[in-house]
Amino acid sequence: MDDDGVIRLRRVISKLARQFAVSDRWHASAPNQTWPNRFFVHTGTAAGHVNNSPPRFPYDIPSIFNRLMPLFFQVSSIVGE
């Protein structure tokens, strides 16, 4: 790419950065809205949901807590003996 092409590309990227939200750090499990990210954090999946509507309560995706509960009871019965 010649110098003119680089300058034009730089101008386009600068214009896009000024016109749109740009983020270099994403603190979410997936680039979705709030509830699908919460589903993902607690269940390991968003079950295909990508936005907050329509509401999906109660959700029936097994959470990590549901999956660990049998292990908790197994360990506590061993420790309690």
C-alpha atoms as a PDB file:
ATOM      1  CA  MET A   1       0.000   0.000   0.000  1.00  0.00           C
ATOM      2  CA  ASP A   2       1.392   3.372  -0.960  1.00  0.00           C
ATOM      3  CA  ASP A   3       1.581   6.402   1.341  1.00  0.00           C
ATOM      4  CA  ASP A   4      -1.674   7.871  -0.010  1.00  0.00           C
ATOM      5  CA  GLY A   5      -3.496   4.607   0.745  1.00  0.00           C
ATOM      6  CA  VAL A   6      -2.138   4.537   4.283  1.00  0.00           C
ATOM      7  CA  ILE A   7      -3.216   8.141   4.878  1.00  0.00           C
ATOM      8  CA  ARG A   8      -6.714   7.447   3.533  1.00  0.00           C
ATOM      9  CA  LEU A   9      -7.018   4.303   5.664  1.00  0.00           C
ATOM     10  CA  ARG A  10      -5.904   6.222   8.749  1.00  0.00           C
ATOM     11  CA  ARG A  11      -8.526   8.896   8.064  1.00  0.00           C
ATOM     12  CA  VAL A  12     -11.279   6.302   7.688  1.00  0.00           C
ATOM     13  CA  ILE A  13     -10.325   4.537  10.909  1.00  0.00           C
ATOM     14  CA  SER A  14     -10.091   7.845  12.786  1.00  0.00           C
ATOM     15  CA  LYS A  15     -13.531   8.892  11.517  1.00  0.00           C
ATOM     16  CA  LEU A  16     -15.040   5.558  12.580  1.00  0.00           C
ATOM     17  CA  ALA A  17     -13.432   5.814  16.024  1.00  0.00           C
ATOM     18  CA  ARG A  18     -14.861   9.309  16.533  1.00  0.00           C
ATOM     19  CA  GLN A  19     -18.365   8.368  15.345  1.00  0.00           C
ATOM     20  CA  PHE A  20     -18.814   5.051  17.139  1.00  0.00           C
ATOM     21  CA  ALA A  21     -18.076   3.625  20.561  1.00  0.00           C
ATOM     22  CA  VAL A  22     -14.727   1.896  20.504  1.00  0.00           C
ATOM     23  CA  SER A  23     -13.539  -0.371  23.292  1.00  0.00           C
ATOM     24  CA  ASP A  24     -10.325  -2.307  23.610  1.00  0.00           C
ATOM     25  CA  ARG A  25     -11.378  -4.110  26.792  1.00  0.00           C
ATOM     26  CA  TRP A  26     -14.517  -6.176  27.025  1.00  0.00           C
ATOM     27  CA  HIS A  27     -15.441  -7.329  30.530  1.00  0.00           C
ATOM     28  CA  ALA A  28     -18.213  -9.693  29.543  1.00  0.00           C
ATOM     29  CA  SER A  29     -18.457 -13.367  28.753  1.00  0.00           C
ATOM     30  CA  ALA A  30     -19.928 -12.696  25.334  1.00  0.00           C
ATOM     31  CA  PRO A  31     -20.661  -9.537  23.339  1.00  0.00           C
ATOM     32  CA  ASN A  32     -24.368  -9.640  24.203  1.00  0.00           C
ATOM     33  CA  GLN A  33     -26.759  -7.704  26.378  1.00  0.00           C
ATOM     34  CA  THR A  34     -26.958  -8.034  30.172  1.00  0.00           C
ATOM     35  CA  TRP A  35     -29.086 -11.117  30.771  1.00  0.00           C
ATOM     36  CA  PRO A  36     -27.441 -13.405  28.205  1.00  0.00           C
ATOM     37  CA  ASN A  37     -24.097 -12.535  29.831  1.00  0.00           C
ATOM     38  CA  ARG A  38     -25.468 -13.335  33.274  1.00  0.00           C
ATOM     39  CA  PHE A  39     -26.793 -16.642  31.979  1.00  0.00           C
ATOM     40  CA  PHE A  40     -23.369 -17.405  30.536  1.00  0.00           C
ATOM     41  CA  VAL A  41     -21.541 -16.583  33.780  1.00  0.00           C
ATOM     42  CA  HIS A  42     -23.751 -18.833  35.894  1.00  0.00           C
ATOM     43  CA  THR A  43     -24.487 -21.635  33.443  1.00  0.00           C
ATOM     44  CA  GLY A  44     -21.683 -21.687  30.890  1.00  0.00           C
ATOM     45  CA  THR A  45     -24.137 -20.942  28.084  1.00  0.00           C
ATOM     46  CA  ALA A  46     -26.557 -18.235  27.038  1.00  0.00           C
ATOM     47  CA  ALA A  47     -28.755 -20.919  25.416  1.00  0.00           C
ATOM     48  CA  GLY A  48     -28.787 -18.947  22.178  1.00  0.00           C
ATOM     49  CA  HIS A  49     -30.137 -15.737  23.747  1.00  0.00           C
ATOM     50  CA  VAL A  50     -28.415 -12.550  22.554  1.00  0.00           C
ATOM     51  CA  ASN A  51     -30.624  -9.774  23.948  1.00  0.00           C
ATOM     52  CA  ASN A  52     -32.748  -8.914  26.975  1.00  0.00           C
ATOM     53  CA  SER A  53     -36.158  -9.233  25.380  1.00  0.00           C
ATOM     54  CA  PRO A  54     -38.468 -10.975  25.706  1.00  0.00           C
ATOM     55  CA  PRO A  55     -37.884 -11.691  29.425  1.00  0.00           C
ATOM     56  CA  ARG A  56     -36.935 -15.304  30.062  1.00  0.00           C
ATOM     57  CA  PHE A  57     -37.831 -15.853  33.697  1.00  0.00           C
ATOM     58  CA  PRO A  58     -37.624 -18.271  35.256  1.00  0.00           C
ATOM     59  CA  TYR A  59     -34.773 -19.644  33.209  1.00  0.00           C
ATOM     60  CA  ASP A  60     -34.394 -23.397  33.144  1.00  0.00           C
ATOM     61  CA  ILE A  61     -30.707 -23.630  32.266  1.00  0.00           C
ATOM     62  CA  PRO A  62     -28.873 -25.640  34.975  1.00  0.00           C
ATOM     63  CA  SER A  63     -26.417 -23.351  36.747  1.00  0.00           C
ATOM     64  CA  ILE A  64     -22.957 -24.216  38.012  1.00  0.00           C
ATOM     65  CA  PHE A  65     -24.483 -24.155  41.511  1.00  0.00           C
ATOM     66  CA  ASN A  66     -27.093 -26.751  40.515  1.00  0.00           C
ATOM     67  CA  ARG A  67     -24.344 -28.945  39.126  1.00  0.00           C
ATOM     68  CA  LEU A  68     -22.105 -28.618  42.195  1.00  0.00           C
ATOM     69  CA  MET A  69     -24.852 -29.241  44.776  1.00  0.00           C
ATOM     70  CA  PRO A  70     -24.706 -33.083  44.560  1.00  0.00           C
ATOM     71  CA  LEU A  71     -20.925 -32.916  45.001  1.00  0.00           C
ATOM     72  CA  PHE A  72     -21.373 -30.653  48.027  1.00  0.00           C
ATOM     73  CA  PHE A  73     -23.721 -33.159  49.696  1.00  0.00           C
ATOM     74  CA  GLN A  74     -21.368 -36.021  48.865  1.00  0.00           C
ATOM     75  CA  VAL A  75     -18.364 -34.229  50.382  1.00  0.00           C
ATOM     76  CA  SER A  76     -20.289 -33.044  53.450  1.00  0.00           C
ATOM     77  CA  SER A  77     -21.491 -36.573  54.165  1.00  0.00           C
ATOM     78  CA  ILE A  78     -17.884 -37.830  54.032  1.00  0.00           C
ATOM     79  CA  VAL A  79     -16.601 -35.003  56.238  1.00  0.00           C
ATOM     80  CA  GLY A  80     -19.503 -35.436  58.654  1.00  0.00           C
ATOM     81  CA  GLU A  81     -18.673 -39.111  59.247  1.00  0.00           C
END
